[in-house]
Amino acid sequence: MFRKKDGNAMILPHYLAIHVEGDIVLNDEYSEYRWAPLEDISSCTPQIPNIPEIVQKLTQLPINQGEFTII
């Protein structure tokens, strides 16, 4: 759970995704974003505090592409 500056709480699910092909299109809710190399994730701001830890854990998982769903 993440608590916003205004005191509201949010549950933030984390997903491991591998980009296979095509353009990535985000909806209007995500109007402020940028792509960054994973090795630079710790220096990206603003940032939810546990993001570097989650990225590190997800990227250390053994990846069996047969377990992924292509959407």
PDB file of N, CA and C in Angstrom:
ATOM      1  N   MET A   1       0.850  -1.175   0.000  1.00  0.00           N
ATOM      2  CA  MET A   1       0.000   0.000   0.000  1.00  0.00           C
ATOM      3  C   MET A   1       0.894   1.235   0.000  1.00  0.00           C
ATOM      4  N   PHE A   2       0.460   2.250  -0.709  1.00  0.00           N
ATOM      5  CA  PHE A   2       1.177   3.513  -0.808  1.00  0.00           C
ATOM      6  C   PHE A   2       0.256   4.616  -0.320  1.00  0.00           C
ATOM      7  N   ARG A   3       0.767   5.509   0.531  1.00  0.00           N
ATOM      8  CA  ARG A   3      -0.034   6.614   1.026  1.00  0.00           C
ATOM      9  C   ARG A   3       0.386   7.886   0.298  1.00  0.00           C
ATOM     10  N   LYS A   4      -0.567   8.522  -0.368  1.00  0.00           N
ATOM     11  CA  LYS A   4      -0.303   9.748  -1.124  1.00  0.00           C
ATOM     12  C   LYS A   4      -0.136  10.930  -0.175  1.00  0.00           C
ATOM     13  N   LYS A   5       0.379  12.030  -0.713  1.00  0.00           N
ATOM     14  CA  LYS A   5       0.602  13.235   0.095  1.00  0.00           C
ATOM     15  C   LYS A   5      -0.676  13.741   0.749  1.00  0.00           C
ATOM     16  N   ASP A   6      -1.820  13.528   0.077  1.00  0.00           N
ATOM     17  CA  ASP A   6      -3.087  14.004   0.642  1.00  0.00           C
ATOM     18  C   ASP A   6      -3.664  13.046   1.681  1.00  0.00           C
ATOM     19  N   GLY A   7      -2.942  11.950   1.984  1.00  0.00           N
ATOM     20  CA  GLY A   7      -3.391  11.010   3.005  1.00  0.00           C
ATOM     21  C   GLY A   7      -4.161   9.814   2.460  1.00  0.00           C
ATOM     22  N   ASN A   8      -4.603   9.878   1.201  1.00  0.00           N
ATOM     23  CA  ASN A   8      -5.318   8.751   0.613  1.00  0.00           C
ATOM     24  C   ASN A   8      -4.372   7.586   0.384  1.00  0.00           C
ATOM     25  N   ALA A   9      -4.890   6.371   0.567  1.00  0.00           N
ATOM     26  CA  ALA A   9      -4.096   5.164   0.370  1.00  0.00           C
ATOM     27  C   ALA A   9      -4.404   4.551  -0.992  1.00  0.00           C
ATOM     28  N   MET A  10      -3.391   3.957  -1.592  1.00  0.00           N
ATOM     29  CA  MET A  10      -3.541   3.288  -2.881  1.00  0.00           C
ATOM     30  C   MET A  10      -2.878   1.919  -2.803  1.00  0.00           C
ATOM     31  N   ILE A  11      -3.478   0.932  -3.430  1.00  0.00           N
ATOM     32  CA  ILE A  11      -2.820  -0.352  -3.609  1.00  0.00           C
ATOM     33  C   ILE A  11      -2.225  -0.329  -5.007  1.00  0.00           C
ATOM     34  N   LEU A  12      -0.930  -0.603  -5.092  1.00  0.00           N
ATOM     35  CA  LEU A  12      -0.230  -0.525  -6.362  1.00  0.00           C
ATOM     36  C   LEU A  12       0.224  -1.918  -6.789  1.00  0.00           C
ATOM     37  N   PRO A  13      -0.493  -2.537  -7.723  1.00  0.00           N
ATOM     38  CA  PRO A  13      -0.029  -3.835  -8.212  1.00  0.00           C
ATOM     39  C   PRO A  13       1.213  -3.654  -9.078  1.00  0.00           C
ATOM     40  N   HIS A  14       2.088  -4.620  -9.042  1.00  0.00           N
ATOM     41  CA  HIS A  14       3.295  -4.581  -9.852  1.00  0.00           C
ATOM     42  C   HIS A  14       3.240  -5.746 -10.833  1.00  0.00           C
ATOM     43  N   TYR A  15       3.625  -5.494 -12.077  1.00  0.00           N
ATOM     44  CA  TYR A  15       3.615  -6.512 -13.117  1.00  0.00           C
ATOM     45  C   TYR A  15       4.974  -6.562 -13.782  1.00  0.00           C
ATOM     46  N   LEU A  16       5.405  -7.751 -14.117  1.00  0.00           N
ATOM     47  CA  LEU A  16       6.586  -7.906 -14.949  1.00  0.00           C
ATOM     48  C   LEU A  16       6.088  -8.071 -16.373  1.00  0.00           C
ATOM     49  N   ALA A  17       6.505  -7.197 -17.255  1.00  0.00           N
ATOM     50  CA  ALA A  17       6.076  -7.250 -18.656  1.00  0.00           C
ATOM     51  C   ALA A  17       7.300  -7.192 -19.547  1.00  0.00           C
ATOM     52  N   ILE A  18       7.239  -7.936 -20.615  1.00  0.00           N
ATOM     53  CA  ILE A  18       8.303  -7.921 -21.610  1.00  0.00           C
ATOM     54  C   ILE A  18       7.694  -7.394 -22.903  1.00  0.00           C
ATOM     55  N   HIS A  19       8.237  -6.288 -23.401  1.00  0.00           N
ATOM     56  CA  HIS A  19       7.721  -5.703 -24.636  1.00  0.00           C
ATOM     57  C   HIS A  19       8.155  -6.578 -25.798  1.00  0.00           C
ATOM     58  N   VAL A  20       7.190  -7.079 -26.557  1.00  0.00           N
ATOM     59  CA  VAL A  20       7.470  -7.978 -27.666  1.00  0.00           C
ATOM     60  C   VAL A  20       7.532  -7.207 -28.980  1.00  0.00           C
ATOM     61  N   GLU A  21       6.506  -6.401 -29.238  1.00  0.00           N
ATOM     62  CA  GLU A  21       6.486  -5.646 -30.490  1.00  0.00           C
ATOM     63  C   GLU A  21       5.391  -4.595 -30.444  1.00  0.00           C
ATOM     64  N   GLY A  22       5.453  -3.662 -31.378  1.00  0.00           N
ATOM     65  CA  GLY A  22       4.410  -2.664 -31.543  1.00  0.00           C
ATOM     66  C   GLY A  22       4.559  -1.459 -30.623  1.00  0.00           C
ATOM     67  N   ASP A  23       3.705  -0.482 -30.858  1.00  0.00           N
ATOM     68  CA  ASP A  23       3.703   0.736 -30.063  1.00  0.00           C
ATOM     69  C   ASP A  23       3.033   0.491 -28.718  1.00  0.00           C
ATOM     70  N   ILE A  24       3.500   1.187 -27.715  1.00  0.00           N
ATOM     71  CA  ILE A  24       2.877   1.145 -26.399  1.00  0.00           C
ATOM     72  C   ILE A  24       2.020   2.393 -26.279  1.00  0.00           C
ATOM     73  N   VAL A  25       0.734   2.209 -26.021  1.00  0.00           N
ATOM     74  CA  VAL A  25      -0.199   3.330 -25.922  1.00  0.00           C
ATOM     75  C   VAL A  25      -0.799   3.333 -24.528  1.00  0.00           C
ATOM     76  N   LEU A  26      -0.646   4.445 -23.832  1.00  0.00           N
ATOM     77  CA  LEU A  26      -1.190   4.589 -22.490  1.00  0.00           C
ATOM     78  C   LEU A  26      -2.405   5.501 -22.537  1.00  0.00           C
ATOM     79  N   ASN A  27      -3.332   5.319 -21.578  1.00  0.00           N
ATOM     80  CA  ASN A  27      -4.516   6.174 -21.560  1.00  0.00           C
ATOM     81  C   ASN A  27      -4.185   7.528 -20.918  1.00  0.00           C
ATOM     82  N   ASP A  28      -5.156   8.428 -20.890  1.00  0.00           N
ATOM     83  CA  ASP A  28      -4.942   9.797 -20.393  1.00  0.00           C
ATOM     84  C   ASP A  28      -4.543   9.847 -18.921  1.00  0.00           C
ATOM     85  N   GLU A  29      -4.859   8.805 -18.152  1.00  0.00           N
ATOM     86  CA  GLU A  29      -4.499   8.780 -16.734  1.00  0.00           C
ATOM     87  C   GLU A  29      -2.984   8.846 -16.558  1.00  0.00           C
ATOM     88  N   TYR A  30      -2.263   8.344 -17.534  1.00  0.00           N
ATOM     89  CA  TYR A  30      -0.804   8.293 -17.464  1.00  0.00           C
ATOM     90  C   TYR A  30      -0.197   9.296 -18.433  1.00  0.00           C
ATOM     91  N   SER A  31      -0.523  10.549 -18.271  1.00  0.00           N
ATOM     92  CA  SER A  31      -0.069  11.573 -19.201  1.00  0.00           C
ATOM     93  C   SER A  31       1.372  12.007 -18.930  1.00  0.00           C
ATOM     94  N   GLU A  32       1.866  11.779 -17.725  1.00  0.00           N
ATOM     95  CA  GLU A  32       3.237  12.167 -17.403  1.00  0.00           C
ATOM     96  C   GLU A  32       4.052  10.907 -17.140  1.00  0.00           C
ATOM     97  N   TYR A  33       4.770  10.451 -18.140  1.00  0.00           N
ATOM     98  CA  TYR A  33       5.596   9.260 -18.007  1.00  0.00           C
ATOM     99  C   TYR A  33       6.819   9.412 -18.888  1.00  0.00           C
ATOM    100  N   ARG A  34       7.803   8.569 -18.627  1.00  0.00           N
ATOM    101  CA  ARG A  34       8.961   8.481 -19.510  1.00  0.00           C
ATOM    102  C   ARG A  34       9.539   7.092 -19.372  1.00  0.00           C
ATOM    103  N   TRP A  35      10.145   6.608 -20.436  1.00  0.00           N
ATOM    104  CA  TRP A  35      10.787   5.306 -20.415  1.00  0.00           C
ATOM    105  C   TRP A  35      12.213   5.508 -19.924  1.00  0.00           C
ATOM    106  N   ALA A  36      12.682   4.595 -19.090  1.00  0.00           N
ATOM    107  CA  ALA A  36      14.036   4.702 -18.546  1.00  0.00           C
ATOM    108  C   ALA A  36      14.675   3.321 -18.517  1.00  0.00           C
ATOM    109  N   PRO A  37      15.980   3.252 -18.755  1.00  0.00           N
ATOM    110  CA  PRO A  37      16.669   1.966 -18.623  1.00  0.00           C
ATOM    111  C   PRO A  37      16.554   1.462 -17.179  1.00  0.00           C
ATOM    112  N   LEU A  38      16.402   0.158 -17.004  1.00  0.00           N
ATOM    113  CA  LEU A  38      16.235  -0.398 -15.656  1.00  0.00           C
ATOM    114  C   LEU A  38      17.391  -0.036 -14.740  1.00  0.00           C
ATOM    115  N   GLU A  39      18.606   0.049 -15.271  1.00  0.00           N
ATOM    116  CA  GLU A  39      19.749   0.374 -14.418  1.00  0.00           C
ATOM    117  C   GLU A  39      19.699   1.818 -13.897  1.00  0.00           C
ATOM    118  N   ASP A  40      18.851   2.667 -14.484  1.00  0.00           N
ATOM    119  CA  ASP A  40      18.711   4.056 -14.035  1.00  0.00           C
ATOM    120  C   ASP A  40      17.498   4.270 -13.131  1.00  0.00           C
ATOM    121  N   ILE A  41      16.755   3.214 -12.838  1.00  0.00           N
ATOM    122  CA  ILE A  41      15.470   3.358 -12.145  1.00  0.00           C
ATOM    123  C   ILE A  41      15.603   4.040 -10.779  1.00  0.00           C
ATOM    124  N   SER A  42      16.696   3.794 -10.070  1.00  0.00           N
ATOM    125  CA  SER A  42      16.864   4.381  -8.731  1.00  0.00           C
ATOM    126  C   SER A  42      16.955   5.898  -8.758  1.00  0.00           C
ATOM    127  N   SER A  43      17.426   6.460  -9.871  1.00  0.00           N
ATOM    128  CA  SER A  43      17.601   7.917  -9.938  1.00  0.00           C
ATOM    129  C   SER A  43      16.399   8.637 -10.553  1.00  0.00           C
ATOM    130  N   CYS A  44      15.377   7.894 -10.963  1.00  0.00           N
ATOM    131  CA  CYS A  44      14.191   8.531 -11.549  1.00  0.00           C
ATOM    132  C   CYS A  44      13.342   9.186 -10.459  1.00  0.00           C
ATOM    133  N   THR A  45      12.884  10.396 -10.738  1.00  0.00           N
ATOM    134  CA  THR A  45      12.016  11.097  -9.794  1.00  0.00           C
ATOM    135  C   THR A  45      10.879  11.750 -10.557  1.00  0.00           C
ATOM    136  N   PRO A  46       9.734  11.971  -9.942  1.00  0.00           N
ATOM    137  CA  PRO A  46       9.362  11.463  -8.624  1.00  0.00           C
ATOM    138  C   PRO A  46       9.190   9.951  -8.692  1.00  0.00           C
ATOM    139  N   GLN A  47       9.223   9.315  -7.536  1.00  0.00           N
ATOM    140  CA  GLN A  47       9.198   7.866  -7.505  1.00  0.00           C
ATOM    141  C   GLN A  47       8.561   7.356  -6.221  1.00  0.00           C
ATOM    142  N   ILE A  48       7.779   6.307  -6.336  1.00  0.00           N
ATOM    143  CA  ILE A  48       7.243   5.631  -5.159  1.00  0.00           C
ATOM    144  C   ILE A  48       8.415   4.885  -4.524  1.00  0.00           C
ATOM    145  N   PRO A  49       8.610   4.998  -3.215  1.00  0.00           N
ATOM    146  CA  PRO A  49       9.838   4.512  -2.569  1.00  0.00           C
ATOM    147  C   PRO A  49      10.231   3.056  -2.835  1.00  0.00           C
ATOM    148  N   ASN A  50       9.284   2.140  -2.997  1.00  0.00           N
ATOM    149  CA  ASN A  50       9.686   0.739  -3.134  1.00  0.00           C
ATOM    150  C   ASN A  50       9.912   0.293  -4.581  1.00  0.00           C
ATOM    151  N   ILE A  51       9.807   1.182  -5.538  1.00  0.00           N
ATOM    152  CA  ILE A  51       9.951   0.797  -6.943  1.00  0.00           C
ATOM    153  C   ILE A  51      11.321   0.185  -7.257  1.00  0.00           C
ATOM    154  N   PRO A  52      12.462   0.775  -6.849  1.00  0.00           N
ATOM    155  CA  PRO A  52      13.748   0.126  -7.152  1.00  0.00           C
ATOM    156  C   PRO A  52      13.844  -1.295  -6.583  1.00  0.00           C
ATOM    157  N   GLU A  53      13.347  -1.502  -5.383  1.00  0.00           N
ATOM    158  CA  GLU A  53      13.376  -2.831  -4.767  1.00  0.00           C
ATOM    159  C   GLU A  53      12.514  -3.818  -5.561  1.00  0.00           C
ATOM    160  N   ILE A  54      11.321  -3.402  -5.954  1.00  0.00           N
ATOM    161  CA  ILE A  54      10.423  -4.278  -6.726  1.00  0.00           C
ATOM    162  C   ILE A  54      11.041  -4.611  -8.079  1.00  0.00           C
ATOM    163  N   VAL A  55      11.602  -3.619  -8.761  1.00  0.00           N
ATOM    164  CA  VAL A  55      12.233  -3.849 -10.061  1.00  0.00           C
ATOM    165  C   VAL A  55      13.378  -4.849  -9.914  1.00  0.00           C
ATOM    166  N   GLN A  56      14.183  -4.680  -8.893  1.00  0.00           N
ATOM    167  CA  GLN A  56      15.312  -5.597  -8.670  1.00  0.00           C
ATOM    168  C   GLN A  56      14.804  -7.023  -8.462  1.00  0.00           C
ATOM    169  N   LYS A  57      13.777  -7.201  -7.644  1.00  0.00           N
ATOM    170  CA  LYS A  57      13.241  -8.540  -7.385  1.00  0.00           C
ATOM    171  C   LYS A  57      12.645  -9.153  -8.651  1.00  0.00           C
ATOM    172  N   LEU A  58      11.889  -8.366  -9.411  1.00  0.00           N
ATOM    173  CA  LEU A  58      11.260  -8.891 -10.621  1.00  0.00           C
ATOM    174  C   LEU A  58      12.287  -9.263 -11.688  1.00  0.00           C
ATOM    175  N   THR A  59      13.336  -8.461 -11.821  1.00  0.00           N
ATOM    176  CA  THR A  59      14.327  -8.745 -12.861  1.00  0.00           C
ATOM    177  C   THR A  59      15.249  -9.899 -12.478  1.00  0.00           C
ATOM    178  N   GLN A  60      15.206 -10.347 -11.240  1.00  0.00           N
ATOM    179  CA  GLN A  60      16.011 -11.494 -10.824  1.00  0.00           C
ATOM    180  C   GLN A  60      15.239 -12.807 -10.920  1.00  0.00           C
ATOM    181  N   LEU A  61      13.956 -12.735 -11.250  1.00  0.00           N
ATOM    182  CA  LEU A  61      13.160 -13.951 -11.395  1.00  0.00           C
ATOM    183  C   LEU A  61      13.597 -14.713 -12.643  1.00  0.00           C
ATOM    184  N   PRO A  62      13.594 -16.049 -12.553  1.00  0.00           N
ATOM    185  CA  PRO A  62      13.857 -16.810 -13.784  1.00  0.00           C
ATOM    186  C   PRO A  62      12.678 -16.614 -14.739  1.00  0.00           C
ATOM    187  N   ILE A  63      12.963 -16.288 -15.976  1.00  0.00           N
ATOM    188  CA  ILE A  63      11.895 -15.989 -16.935  1.00  0.00           C
ATOM    189  C   ILE A  63      11.687 -17.175 -17.869  1.00  0.00           C
ATOM    190  N   ASN A  64      10.502 -17.720 -17.822  1.00  0.00           N
ATOM    191  CA  ASN A  64      10.083 -18.766 -18.745  1.00  0.00           C
ATOM    192  C   ASN A  64       8.981 -18.151 -19.603  1.00  0.00           C
ATOM    193  N   GLN A  65       9.306 -17.784 -20.830  1.00  0.00           N
ATOM    194  CA  GLN A  65       8.352 -17.052 -21.655  1.00  0.00           C
ATOM    195  C   GLN A  65       7.060 -17.827 -21.884  1.00  0.00           C
ATOM    196  N   GLY A  66       7.063 -19.133 -21.703  1.00  0.00           N
ATOM    197  CA  GLY A  66       5.849 -19.912 -21.834  1.00  0.00           C
ATOM    198  C   GLY A  66       4.823 -19.598 -20.763  1.00  0.00           C
ATOM    199  N   GLU A  67       5.271 -18.947 -19.677  1.00  0.00           N
ATOM    200  CA  GLU A  67       4.382 -18.581 -18.580  1.00  0.00           C
ATOM    201  C   GLU A  67       3.755 -17.206 -18.774  1.00  0.00           C
ATOM    202  N   PHE A  68       4.149 -16.492 -19.830  1.00  0.00           N
ATOM    203  CA  PHE A  68       3.649 -15.147 -20.072  1.00  0.00           C
ATOM    204  C   PHE A  68       2.459 -15.184 -21.024  1.00  0.00           C
ATOM    205  N   THR A  69       1.605 -14.200 -20.897  1.00  0.00           N
ATOM    206  CA  THR A  69       0.489 -14.025 -21.821  1.00  0.00           C
ATOM    207  C   THR A  69       0.798 -12.816 -22.690  1.00  0.00           C
ATOM    208  N   ILE A  70       0.729 -12.976 -23.979  1.00  0.00           N
ATOM    209  CA  ILE A  70       0.967 -11.845 -24.878  1.00  0.00           C
ATOM    210  C   ILE A  70      -0.352 -11.107 -25.064  1.00  0.00           C
ATOM    211  N   ILE A  71      -0.355  -9.818 -24.716  1.00  0.00           N
ATOM    212  CA  ILE A  71      -1.576  -9.013 -24.856  1.00  0.00           C
ATOM    213  C   ILE A  71      -1.299  -7.820 -25.749  1.00  0.00           C
TER     214      ILE A  71
END
